[in-house]
Each structure stands twice: as structure tokens, then as C-alpha cells.
Amino acid sequence: MSCTLRDVSTKERILDAALDLFAEAGVDATTVTAIERRAGLAGGSGSLYRHFRSKEDVLDATIEREVTRLKELLEHERAARPRLPDRRSHLLLQFHQTLRDIKQFDRLLRILQRETGRSASLQGIVARVVGLDRGLASWSSHDDRLDPMTAVVVVAALVGYHAIGQWQDRPFLDVDADAFIERLVDLVEP
């Protein structure tokens, strides 16, 4: 059964529209009218203000909702991930999952990159929802097989691989993800 505009609440449609527009053009370049139109509302009608006090409130709610949604999705995917008997297979699977996670966070990452003036506020929301505000040990404890500093290096490498691939509109230097992750595992587990 397909979902129509009427099936999704107006507030959710506004947040969906804002997420896309903020990622595409940035917060300052996105008008309330554009958000209303993208959400299927009459542009310029002020409909957004029936649900939010300001565009900044829309931004905060968008970030919080998306991080919460993705966190729940990722926790579900990680819980379903099989335990593998050998460390190398486990790391390969974990790094592939981490790269998929990064891809799912792509719109949020683009917003954070664009919004340097707002980054402390936005990063605070992300940190609170994900748990990064409780420190590196808390975050890296999702997998007890990597020490916290190695986990940071791995995530930074995978974020970089993804981001540069996005800029180049192809895998980074045409190195496919499997080969990149194999090499990353070799570096972590020689």
C-alpha cells in the first residue's frame, strides 16, 4: 500500500522537506516558503508556523528527529548482525556496516558541514542523541573489540572515503569499498 501526503502528518512532511532542502542548499538559503512548498503546503501561507516557531526550531527538530531515527535503525541493524568466529571476518563486517551507517547519515553530515556558524548547537544535538556527549569510551563501547582510538581512526577513514567519493561522484580514486575496507582491516589487524 502506498503512502500519500495525507497519510503523513503535516509536521513530519515539514521535517522531511526541511531535511532535504537544508542538505541541498543550506539553512540560510532555504526559505520557509520553499519548505512549505516541498512539504505540499501552500507556499508563503505561514502553514509552517502552525507547527514551529521559527526556521531554527525546524532545523533543531529536523536534526533531532533524523538522528533519533537513524540511531534506532542502526541499533536494530547492529543487533541483527551475526557474531562471526574470527576477528578478521568480524572486522570486515563491522567496517562495511559502519560505511553503510555513514551513508545513511549523509544528509546530516552535509548539513553539519554547511552550517559552521550553527555547528556547536547542531553538534550538541547529535552528541546528545547518539551519546557522544558521554565521552569516547561510551561511544566506542558499541564494539568491545576495538580500542577507542582505533575506532576513531577507522570511522575517520570511512567518513573520508565516503565524503571524497561523494565529491568525485564515484568511489574515491576508483577504489571500490570492498578493497578499501580490506586494506583498512589489514591496517587495524595486520
N, C-alpha and C. Protein backbone atom coordinates (compact mmCIF):
# COMPACT_ATOMS: atom_id res chain seq x y z
N MET A 1 0.85 -1.17 0.00
CA MET A 1 0.00 0.00 0.00
C MET A 1 0.89 1.24 0.00
N SER A 2 0.65 2.14 -0.91
CA SER A 2 1.49 3.33 -0.98
C SER A 2 1.01 4.39 0.01
N CYS A 3 1.94 5.24 0.38
CA CYS A 3 1.66 6.29 1.36
C CYS A 3 1.43 7.60 0.62
N THR A 4 0.35 8.30 0.96
CA THR A 4 0.07 9.58 0.33
C THR A 4 0.44 10.71 1.28
N LEU A 5 0.43 11.93 0.77
CA LEU A 5 0.72 13.11 1.60
C LEU A 5 -0.21 13.18 2.80
N ARG A 6 -1.45 12.78 2.62
CA ARG A 6 -2.42 12.84 3.72
C ARG A 6 -2.11 11.82 4.82
N ASP A 7 -1.40 10.73 4.47
CA ASP A 7 -1.08 9.70 5.45
C ASP A 7 0.00 10.14 6.42
N VAL A 8 0.81 11.08 6.04
CA VAL A 8 1.91 11.55 6.87
C VAL A 8 1.51 12.90 7.47
N SER A 9 1.78 13.07 8.76
CA SER A 9 1.38 14.33 9.40
C SER A 9 2.07 15.52 8.75
N THR A 10 1.43 16.65 8.84
CA THR A 10 1.99 17.88 8.28
C THR A 10 3.35 18.17 8.90
N LYS A 11 3.46 17.99 10.20
CA LYS A 11 4.72 18.24 10.89
C LYS A 11 5.84 17.34 10.33
N GLU A 12 5.54 16.08 10.11
CA GLU A 12 6.53 15.16 9.54
C GLU A 12 6.90 15.55 8.12
N ARG A 13 5.93 15.98 7.33
CA ARG A 13 6.22 16.43 5.96
C ARG A 13 7.12 17.65 5.97
N ILE A 14 6.88 18.56 6.91
CA ILE A 14 7.73 19.75 7.04
C ILE A 14 9.16 19.33 7.38
N LEU A 15 9.30 18.40 8.32
CA LEU A 15 10.64 17.95 8.71
C LEU A 15 11.35 17.22 7.57
N ASP A 16 10.61 16.40 6.82
CA ASP A 16 11.20 15.72 5.67
C ASP A 16 11.68 16.72 4.62
N ALA A 17 10.83 17.69 4.33
CA ALA A 17 11.16 18.71 3.34
C ALA A 17 12.37 19.52 3.80
N ALA A 18 12.36 19.92 5.05
CA ALA A 18 13.46 20.73 5.58
C ALA A 18 14.78 19.96 5.54
N LEU A 19 14.75 18.69 5.88
CA LEU A 19 15.98 17.88 5.85
C LEU A 19 16.57 17.88 4.45
N ASP A 20 15.75 17.62 3.46
CA ASP A 20 16.24 17.61 2.08
C ASP A 20 16.77 18.98 1.66
N LEU A 21 16.01 20.02 1.92
CA LEU A 21 16.41 21.36 1.49
C LEU A 21 17.66 21.86 2.24
N PHE A 22 17.73 21.62 3.54
CA PHE A 22 18.90 22.04 4.30
C PHE A 22 20.15 21.32 3.80
N ALA A 23 20.02 20.04 3.46
CA ALA A 23 21.17 19.29 2.94
C ALA A 23 21.57 19.76 1.55
N GLU A 24 20.58 20.11 0.73
CA GLU A 24 20.85 20.55 -0.65
C GLU A 24 21.44 21.95 -0.71
N ALA A 25 20.86 22.88 0.04
CA ALA A 25 21.21 24.29 -0.16
C ALA A 25 21.73 24.99 1.09
N GLY A 26 21.56 24.39 2.25
CA GLY A 26 21.93 25.05 3.49
C GLY A 26 20.73 25.73 4.12
N VAL A 27 20.86 26.03 5.40
CA VAL A 27 19.74 26.61 6.15
C VAL A 27 19.44 28.02 5.67
N ASP A 28 20.47 28.86 5.57
CA ASP A 28 20.22 30.25 5.19
C ASP A 28 19.61 30.39 3.80
N ALA A 29 19.99 29.51 2.88
CA ALA A 29 19.47 29.59 1.51
C ALA A 29 18.09 28.96 1.37
N THR A 30 17.63 28.28 2.40
CA THR A 30 16.32 27.64 2.37
C THR A 30 15.30 28.56 3.01
N THR A 31 14.28 28.90 2.27
CA THR A 31 13.23 29.78 2.80
C THR A 31 12.11 28.95 3.41
N VAL A 32 11.36 29.58 4.28
CA VAL A 32 10.18 28.94 4.86
C VAL A 32 9.20 28.59 3.74
N THR A 33 9.07 29.47 2.77
CA THR A 33 8.19 29.21 1.63
C THR A 33 8.62 27.95 0.88
N ALA A 34 9.92 27.77 0.68
CA ALA A 34 10.42 26.58 -0.02
C ALA A 34 10.10 25.31 0.78
N ILE A 35 10.25 25.39 2.10
CA ILE A 35 9.93 24.24 2.94
C ILE A 35 8.44 23.92 2.82
N GLU A 36 7.60 24.95 2.90
CA GLU A 36 6.16 24.73 2.78
C GLU A 36 5.81 24.09 1.45
N ARG A 37 6.36 24.60 0.38
CA ARG A 37 6.06 24.04 -0.95
C ARG A 37 6.51 22.58 -1.04
N ARG A 38 7.75 22.31 -0.60
CA ARG A 38 8.28 20.94 -0.66
C ARG A 38 7.44 19.99 0.20
N ALA A 39 6.85 20.51 1.27
CA ALA A 39 6.01 19.69 2.16
C ALA A 39 4.58 19.53 1.64
N GLY A 40 4.29 20.15 0.49
CA GLY A 40 2.95 20.03 -0.09
C GLY A 40 1.95 21.02 0.48
N LEU A 41 2.47 22.08 1.09
CA LEU A 41 1.61 23.13 1.65
C LEU A 41 1.63 24.33 0.70
N ALA A 42 0.73 25.24 0.89
CA ALA A 42 0.71 26.46 0.09
C ALA A 42 1.91 27.31 0.51
N GLY A 43 2.81 27.55 -0.44
CA GLY A 43 3.99 28.35 -0.16
C GLY A 43 3.64 29.77 0.22
N GLY A 44 4.26 30.25 1.29
CA GLY A 44 4.02 31.61 1.74
C GLY A 44 2.77 31.78 2.59
N SER A 45 2.14 30.68 2.91
CA SER A 45 0.88 30.74 3.67
C SER A 45 1.10 30.85 5.17
N GLY A 46 2.32 30.59 5.60
CA GLY A 46 2.59 30.59 7.04
C GLY A 46 2.21 29.29 7.71
N SER A 47 1.90 28.27 6.93
CA SER A 47 1.49 26.97 7.49
C SER A 47 2.56 26.38 8.40
N LEU A 48 3.81 26.61 8.08
CA LEU A 48 4.90 26.08 8.89
C LEU A 48 4.80 26.59 10.33
N TYR A 49 4.37 27.82 10.49
CA TYR A 49 4.31 28.44 11.82
C TYR A 49 3.18 27.88 12.70
N ARG A 50 2.33 27.07 12.13
CA ARG A 50 1.33 26.38 12.96
C ARG A 50 1.96 25.23 13.73
N HIS A 51 3.16 24.83 13.29
CA HIS A 51 3.84 23.68 13.89
C HIS A 51 5.18 24.04 14.55
N PHE A 52 5.80 25.13 14.09
CA PHE A 52 7.11 25.53 14.59
C PHE A 52 7.15 27.04 14.75
N ARG A 53 7.91 27.51 15.73
CA ARG A 53 8.01 28.95 15.97
C ARG A 53 8.90 29.64 14.93
N SER A 54 9.91 28.92 14.43
CA SER A 54 10.87 29.56 13.52
C SER A 54 11.56 28.50 12.67
N LYS A 55 12.31 28.97 11.69
CA LYS A 55 13.10 28.06 10.86
C LYS A 55 14.17 27.38 11.71
N GLU A 56 14.71 28.09 12.71
CA GLU A 56 15.70 27.48 13.62
C GLU A 56 15.08 26.33 14.40
N ASP A 57 13.83 26.47 14.83
CA ASP A 57 13.14 25.38 15.51
C ASP A 57 12.95 24.18 14.56
N VAL A 58 12.66 24.48 13.30
CA VAL A 58 12.54 23.41 12.30
C VAL A 58 13.88 22.70 12.16
N LEU A 59 14.96 23.47 12.10
CA LEU A 59 16.29 22.89 11.97
C LEU A 59 16.58 21.97 13.16
N ASP A 60 16.39 22.46 14.36
CA ASP A 60 16.66 21.65 15.55
C ASP A 60 15.82 20.38 15.57
N ALA A 61 14.53 20.51 15.27
CA ALA A 61 13.64 19.35 15.26
C ALA A 61 14.02 18.36 14.16
N THR A 62 14.43 18.89 13.02
CA THR A 62 14.84 18.05 11.90
C THR A 62 16.06 17.22 12.29
N ILE A 63 17.06 17.88 12.86
CA ILE A 63 18.29 17.18 13.25
C ILE A 63 17.98 16.14 14.32
N GLU A 64 17.24 16.53 15.34
CA GLU A 64 16.94 15.59 16.43
C GLU A 64 16.14 14.39 15.93
N ARG A 65 15.13 14.63 15.11
CA ARG A 65 14.33 13.52 14.60
C ARG A 65 15.15 12.58 13.73
N GLU A 66 15.98 13.16 12.85
CA GLU A 66 16.76 12.31 11.94
C GLU A 66 17.81 11.51 12.69
N VAL A 67 18.48 12.12 13.65
CA VAL A 67 19.48 11.39 14.43
C VAL A 67 18.82 10.28 15.23
N THR A 68 17.69 10.57 15.84
CA THR A 68 16.96 9.56 16.62
C THR A 68 16.53 8.41 15.72
N ARG A 69 15.99 8.75 14.56
CA ARG A 69 15.53 7.72 13.61
C ARG A 69 16.68 6.84 13.16
N LEU A 70 17.79 7.48 12.78
CA LEU A 70 18.93 6.72 12.30
C LEU A 70 19.57 5.90 13.42
N LYS A 71 19.63 6.46 14.60
CA LYS A 71 20.20 5.72 15.73
C LYS A 71 19.40 4.44 15.98
N GLU A 72 18.08 4.54 15.98
CA GLU A 72 17.23 3.36 16.19
C GLU A 72 17.43 2.34 15.06
N LEU A 73 17.50 2.81 13.83
CA LEU A 73 17.72 1.93 12.70
C LEU A 73 19.06 1.22 12.81
N LEU A 74 20.11 1.98 13.15
CA LEU A 74 21.44 1.40 13.24
C LEU A 74 21.55 0.41 14.39
N GLU A 75 20.91 0.73 15.51
CA GLU A 75 20.93 -0.21 16.65
C GLU A 75 20.24 -1.51 16.27
N HIS A 76 19.13 -1.41 15.54
CA HIS A 76 18.42 -2.61 15.09
C HIS A 76 19.30 -3.42 14.13
N GLU A 77 19.94 -2.75 13.18
CA GLU A 77 20.81 -3.45 12.23
C GLU A 77 21.99 -4.11 12.94
N ARG A 78 22.59 -3.40 13.88
CA ARG A 78 23.74 -3.96 14.61
C ARG A 78 23.32 -5.14 15.48
N ALA A 79 22.15 -5.08 16.08
CA ALA A 79 21.68 -6.19 16.91
C ALA A 79 21.43 -7.44 16.06
N ALA A 80 21.05 -7.25 14.81
CA ALA A 80 20.78 -8.37 13.91
C ALA A 80 22.05 -8.91 13.25
N ARG A 81 23.15 -8.19 13.40
CA ARG A 81 24.40 -8.61 12.76
C ARG A 81 24.90 -9.89 13.42
N PRO A 82 25.27 -10.89 12.62
CA PRO A 82 25.73 -12.15 13.20
C PRO A 82 27.09 -11.99 13.87
N ARG A 83 27.31 -12.79 14.88
CA ARG A 83 28.64 -12.86 15.51
C ARG A 83 29.45 -13.85 14.70
N LEU A 84 30.61 -13.43 14.29
CA LEU A 84 31.46 -14.29 13.47
C LEU A 84 32.60 -14.83 14.33
N PRO A 85 33.05 -16.02 14.01
CA PRO A 85 34.02 -16.68 14.88
C PRO A 85 35.43 -16.07 14.85
N ASP A 86 35.82 -15.51 13.71
CA ASP A 86 37.19 -14.99 13.64
C ASP A 86 37.18 -13.46 13.58
N ARG A 87 38.21 -12.88 14.12
CA ARG A 87 38.31 -11.43 14.26
C ARG A 87 38.29 -10.71 12.91
N ARG A 88 39.01 -11.24 11.93
CA ARG A 88 39.07 -10.58 10.62
C ARG A 88 37.68 -10.49 9.98
N SER A 89 36.94 -11.58 9.98
CA SER A 89 35.59 -11.57 9.42
C SER A 89 34.70 -10.60 10.18
N HIS A 90 34.86 -10.58 11.50
CA HIS A 90 34.08 -9.66 12.32
C HIS A 90 34.38 -8.21 11.94
N LEU A 91 35.68 -7.88 11.80
CA LEU A 91 36.05 -6.51 11.45
C LEU A 91 35.57 -6.13 10.06
N LEU A 92 35.68 -7.03 9.10
CA LEU A 92 35.19 -6.76 7.75
C LEU A 92 33.70 -6.42 7.78
N LEU A 93 32.94 -7.23 8.48
CA LEU A 93 31.50 -7.00 8.59
C LEU A 93 31.22 -5.68 9.31
N GLN A 94 31.93 -5.44 10.41
CA GLN A 94 31.72 -4.22 11.18
C GLN A 94 32.05 -2.98 10.35
N PHE A 95 33.15 -2.99 9.61
CA PHE A 95 33.55 -1.82 8.82
C PHE A 95 32.59 -1.59 7.66
N HIS A 96 32.10 -2.66 7.04
CA HIS A 96 31.08 -2.50 5.99
C HIS A 96 29.82 -1.88 6.58
N GLN A 97 29.41 -2.35 7.76
CA GLN A 97 28.23 -1.79 8.42
C GLN A 97 28.46 -0.32 8.76
N THR A 98 29.64 0.03 9.22
CA THR A 98 29.96 1.42 9.56
C THR A 98 29.89 2.30 8.33
N LEU A 99 30.39 1.83 7.19
CA LEU A 99 30.30 2.61 5.96
C LEU A 99 28.84 2.79 5.55
N ARG A 100 28.02 1.75 5.69
CA ARG A 100 26.57 1.89 5.40
C ARG A 100 25.94 2.91 6.34
N ASP A 101 26.36 2.86 7.62
CA ASP A 101 25.84 3.83 8.59
C ASP A 101 26.19 5.26 8.17
N ILE A 102 27.42 5.47 7.75
CA ILE A 102 27.88 6.80 7.33
C ILE A 102 27.04 7.27 6.14
N LYS A 103 26.79 6.38 5.20
CA LYS A 103 25.99 6.75 4.03
C LYS A 103 24.57 7.16 4.45
N GLN A 104 24.04 6.48 5.47
CA GLN A 104 22.70 6.84 5.93
C GLN A 104 22.69 8.19 6.61
N PHE A 105 23.81 8.59 7.20
CA PHE A 105 23.92 9.89 7.87
C PHE A 105 24.34 11.00 6.90
N ASP A 106 24.42 10.69 5.61
CA ASP A 106 24.98 11.63 4.64
C ASP A 106 24.30 13.00 4.67
N ARG A 107 22.98 13.04 4.67
CA ARG A 107 22.30 14.35 4.66
C ARG A 107 22.64 15.14 5.92
N LEU A 108 22.69 14.47 7.06
CA LEU A 108 23.06 15.18 8.30
C LEU A 108 24.49 15.69 8.23
N LEU A 109 25.39 14.87 7.70
CA LEU A 109 26.78 15.31 7.58
C LEU A 109 26.90 16.53 6.68
N ARG A 110 26.12 16.54 5.58
CA ARG A 110 26.16 17.70 4.69
C ARG A 110 25.65 18.95 5.38
N ILE A 111 24.61 18.80 6.19
CA ILE A 111 24.09 19.96 6.93
C ILE A 111 25.14 20.45 7.92
N LEU A 112 25.75 19.55 8.66
CA LEU A 112 26.78 19.95 9.64
C LEU A 112 27.95 20.65 8.95
N GLN A 113 28.35 20.15 7.78
CA GLN A 113 29.45 20.78 7.04
C GLN A 113 29.08 22.18 6.58
N ARG A 114 27.86 22.37 6.12
CA ARG A 114 27.43 23.68 5.60
C ARG A 114 27.22 24.71 6.70
N GLU A 115 26.81 24.27 7.85
CA GLU A 115 26.35 25.18 8.89
C GLU A 115 27.41 25.41 9.97
N THR A 116 28.55 25.92 9.57
CA THR A 116 29.65 26.11 10.52
C THR A 116 29.28 27.09 11.63
N GLY A 117 28.48 28.10 11.33
CA GLY A 117 28.07 29.06 12.35
C GLY A 117 27.13 28.47 13.38
N ARG A 118 26.43 27.43 12.98
CA ARG A 118 25.49 26.77 13.88
C ARG A 118 26.04 25.46 14.40
N SER A 119 27.26 25.12 14.02
CA SER A 119 27.74 23.76 14.26
C SER A 119 27.76 23.37 15.72
N ALA A 120 28.06 24.28 16.64
CA ALA A 120 28.09 23.89 18.06
C ALA A 120 26.71 23.44 18.51
N SER A 121 25.68 24.17 18.14
CA SER A 121 24.32 23.80 18.51
C SER A 121 23.92 22.48 17.87
N LEU A 122 24.18 22.33 16.57
CA LEU A 122 23.80 21.10 15.87
C LEU A 122 24.60 19.91 16.38
N GLN A 123 25.89 20.10 16.59
CA GLN A 123 26.72 19.01 17.10
C GLN A 123 26.27 18.60 18.49
N GLY A 124 25.82 19.57 19.27
CA GLY A 124 25.29 19.26 20.60
C GLY A 124 24.07 18.36 20.53
N ILE A 125 23.19 18.64 19.59
CA ILE A 125 22.00 17.80 19.40
C ILE A 125 22.43 16.40 19.00
N VAL A 126 23.32 16.30 18.01
CA VAL A 126 23.78 14.99 17.54
C VAL A 126 24.46 14.24 18.69
N ALA A 127 25.35 14.92 19.40
CA ALA A 127 26.09 14.27 20.50
C ALA A 127 25.14 13.76 21.57
N ARG A 128 24.13 14.54 21.91
CA ARG A 128 23.18 14.15 22.96
C ARG A 128 22.38 12.92 22.52
N VAL A 129 21.88 12.94 21.29
CA VAL A 129 21.04 11.83 20.84
C VAL A 129 21.84 10.56 20.65
N VAL A 130 23.05 10.68 20.07
CA VAL A 130 23.87 9.50 19.81
C VAL A 130 24.59 9.02 21.07
N GLY A 131 24.84 9.92 22.00
CA GLY A 131 25.54 9.54 23.22
C GLY A 131 26.99 9.97 23.25
N LEU A 132 27.41 10.74 22.23
CA LEU A 132 28.80 11.19 22.20
C LEU A 132 29.11 12.17 23.33
N ASP A 133 28.07 12.80 23.88
CA ASP A 133 28.30 13.75 24.97
C ASP A 133 28.75 13.06 26.25
N ARG A 134 28.63 11.73 26.27
CA ARG A 134 29.10 10.98 27.43
C ARG A 134 30.54 10.52 27.28
N GLY A 135 31.17 10.90 26.19
CA GLY A 135 32.59 10.62 26.03
C GLY A 135 32.88 9.51 25.04
N LEU A 136 34.13 9.46 24.63
CA LEU A 136 34.60 8.50 23.64
C LEU A 136 34.42 7.07 24.11
N ALA A 137 34.69 6.80 25.37
CA ALA A 137 34.57 5.43 25.87
C ALA A 137 33.15 4.92 25.70
N SER A 138 32.18 5.76 25.97
CA SER A 138 30.78 5.37 25.84
C SER A 138 30.45 5.05 24.38
N TRP A 139 30.91 5.89 23.46
CA TRP A 139 30.61 5.68 22.06
C TRP A 139 31.30 4.44 21.52
N SER A 140 32.56 4.27 21.84
CA SER A 140 33.32 3.17 21.26
C SER A 140 32.99 1.84 21.91
N SER A 141 32.25 1.85 23.00
CA SER A 141 31.93 0.59 23.67
C SER A 141 30.90 -0.23 22.90
N HIS A 142 30.37 0.31 21.77
CA HIS A 142 29.45 -0.49 20.96
C HIS A 142 30.15 -1.75 20.47
N ASP A 143 31.44 -1.70 20.33
CA ASP A 143 32.17 -2.90 19.95
C ASP A 143 33.38 -3.02 20.86
N ASP A 144 33.40 -4.07 21.64
CA ASP A 144 34.48 -4.23 22.60
C ASP A 144 35.76 -4.75 21.98
N ARG A 145 35.77 -4.95 20.69
CA ARG A 145 36.96 -5.50 20.05
C ARG A 145 37.93 -4.43 19.54
N LEU A 146 37.51 -3.18 19.48
CA LEU A 146 38.39 -2.09 19.04
C LEU A 146 38.61 -1.13 20.20
N ASP A 147 39.86 -0.74 20.39
CA ASP A 147 40.10 0.27 21.41
C ASP A 147 39.56 1.61 20.89
N PRO A 148 39.25 2.53 21.80
CA PRO A 148 38.59 3.78 21.39
C PRO A 148 39.36 4.57 20.33
N MET A 149 40.66 4.68 20.43
CA MET A 149 41.41 5.46 19.45
C MET A 149 41.38 4.80 18.08
N THR A 150 41.48 3.49 18.03
CA THR A 150 41.40 2.79 16.75
C THR A 150 40.02 2.97 16.13
N ALA A 151 38.98 2.94 16.96
CA ALA A 151 37.63 3.16 16.46
C ALA A 151 37.51 4.54 15.81
N VAL A 152 38.11 5.56 16.43
CA VAL A 152 38.07 6.91 15.87
C VAL A 152 38.79 6.95 14.52
N VAL A 153 39.94 6.31 14.43
CA VAL A 153 40.70 6.30 13.18
C VAL A 153 39.91 5.59 12.08
N VAL A 154 39.29 4.47 12.42
CA VAL A 154 38.51 3.72 11.43
C VAL A 154 37.34 4.57 10.93
N VAL A 155 36.60 5.17 11.85
CA VAL A 155 35.44 5.98 11.44
C VAL A 155 35.91 7.17 10.60
N ALA A 156 37.00 7.81 11.00
CA ALA A 156 37.51 8.94 10.22
C ALA A 156 37.90 8.49 8.81
N ALA A 157 38.54 7.35 8.70
CA ALA A 157 38.91 6.83 7.37
C ALA A 157 37.68 6.54 6.53
N LEU A 158 36.67 5.93 7.13
CA LEU A 158 35.46 5.61 6.37
C LEU A 158 34.66 6.85 6.01
N VAL A 159 34.60 7.83 6.90
CA VAL A 159 33.92 9.09 6.58
C VAL A 159 34.66 9.78 5.43
N GLY A 160 35.99 9.81 5.51
CA GLY A 160 36.78 10.43 4.44
C GLY A 160 36.59 9.72 3.11
N TYR A 161 36.61 8.41 3.12
CA TYR A 161 36.39 7.63 1.90
C TYR A 161 35.02 7.97 1.29
N HIS A 162 34.00 8.00 2.14
CA HIS A 162 32.66 8.32 1.66
C HIS A 162 32.58 9.76 1.13
N ALA A 163 33.09 10.71 1.91
CA ALA A 163 32.98 12.13 1.52
C ALA A 163 33.70 12.42 0.22
N ILE A 164 34.90 11.91 0.08
CA ILE A 164 35.66 12.18 -1.16
C ILE A 164 34.98 11.48 -2.34
N GLY A 165 34.44 10.29 -2.11
CA GLY A 165 33.67 9.61 -3.16
C GLY A 165 32.47 10.43 -3.60
N GLN A 166 31.82 11.08 -2.63
CA GLN A 166 30.68 11.95 -2.96
C GLN A 166 31.13 13.12 -3.83
N TRP A 167 32.24 13.73 -3.46
CA TRP A 167 32.75 14.87 -4.24
C TRP A 167 33.14 14.45 -5.64
N GLN A 168 33.73 13.26 -5.76
CA GLN A 168 34.19 12.79 -7.07
C GLN A 168 33.07 12.12 -7.87
N ASP A 169 31.93 11.85 -7.22
CA ASP A 169 30.80 11.19 -7.84
C ASP A 169 31.15 9.79 -8.35
N ARG A 170 32.05 9.15 -7.61
CA ARG A 170 32.45 7.76 -7.88
C ARG A 170 33.28 7.31 -6.68
N PRO A 171 33.58 6.02 -6.58
CA PRO A 171 34.42 5.60 -5.45
C PRO A 171 35.74 6.38 -5.44
N PHE A 172 36.20 6.73 -4.27
CA PHE A 172 37.43 7.52 -4.09
C PHE A 172 38.58 6.88 -4.87
N LEU A 173 39.12 7.64 -5.82
CA LEU A 173 40.19 7.19 -6.71
C LEU A 173 39.89 5.85 -7.36
N ASP A 174 38.61 5.60 -7.58
CA ASP A 174 38.12 4.36 -8.18
C ASP A 174 38.49 3.10 -7.40
N VAL A 175 38.77 3.25 -6.11
CA VAL A 175 39.00 2.10 -5.24
C VAL A 175 37.64 1.71 -4.69
N ASP A 176 37.20 0.47 -4.99
CA ASP A 176 35.87 0.10 -4.52
C ASP A 176 35.87 -0.13 -3.01
N ALA A 177 34.69 -0.08 -2.44
CA ALA A 177 34.53 -0.15 -0.98
C ALA A 177 35.10 -1.44 -0.41
N ASP A 178 34.91 -2.56 -1.10
CA ASP A 178 35.44 -3.83 -0.58
C ASP A 178 36.96 -3.79 -0.46
N ALA A 179 37.63 -3.27 -1.49
CA ALA A 179 39.09 -3.20 -1.45
C ALA A 179 39.56 -2.22 -0.37
N PHE A 180 38.86 -1.09 -0.23
CA PHE A 180 39.21 -0.11 0.80
C PHE A 180 39.08 -0.72 2.19
N ILE A 181 37.98 -1.39 2.42
CA ILE A 181 37.74 -1.98 3.74
C ILE A 181 38.71 -3.12 4.02
N GLU A 182 39.02 -3.92 3.02
CA GLU A 182 40.03 -4.98 3.20
C GLU A 182 41.35 -4.38 3.67
N ARG A 183 41.78 -3.30 3.03
CA ARG A 183 43.05 -2.67 3.41
C ARG A 183 42.96 -2.07 4.80
N LEU A 184 41.83 -1.47 5.13
CA LEU A 184 41.64 -0.89 6.45
C LEU A 184 41.73 -1.98 7.53
N VAL A 185 41.12 -3.12 7.28
CA VAL A 185 41.23 -4.23 8.22
C VAL A 185 42.67 -4.70 8.33
N ASP A 186 43.40 -4.74 7.20
CA ASP A 186 44.82 -5.11 7.24
C ASP A 186 45.62 -4.17 8.14
N LEU A 187 45.27 -2.88 8.09
CA LEU A 187 45.99 -1.90 8.92
C LEU A 187 45.66 -2.05 10.40
N VAL A 188 44.41 -2.35 10.68
CA VAL A 188 43.97 -2.50 12.07
C VAL A 188 44.42 -3.84 12.65
N GLU A 189 44.37 -4.87 11.83
CA GLU A 189 44.67 -6.23 12.26
C GLU A 189 45.70 -6.85 11.32
N PRO A 190 46.96 -6.43 11.44
CA PRO A 190 48.00 -6.92 10.50
C PRO A 190 48.22 -8.42 10.64
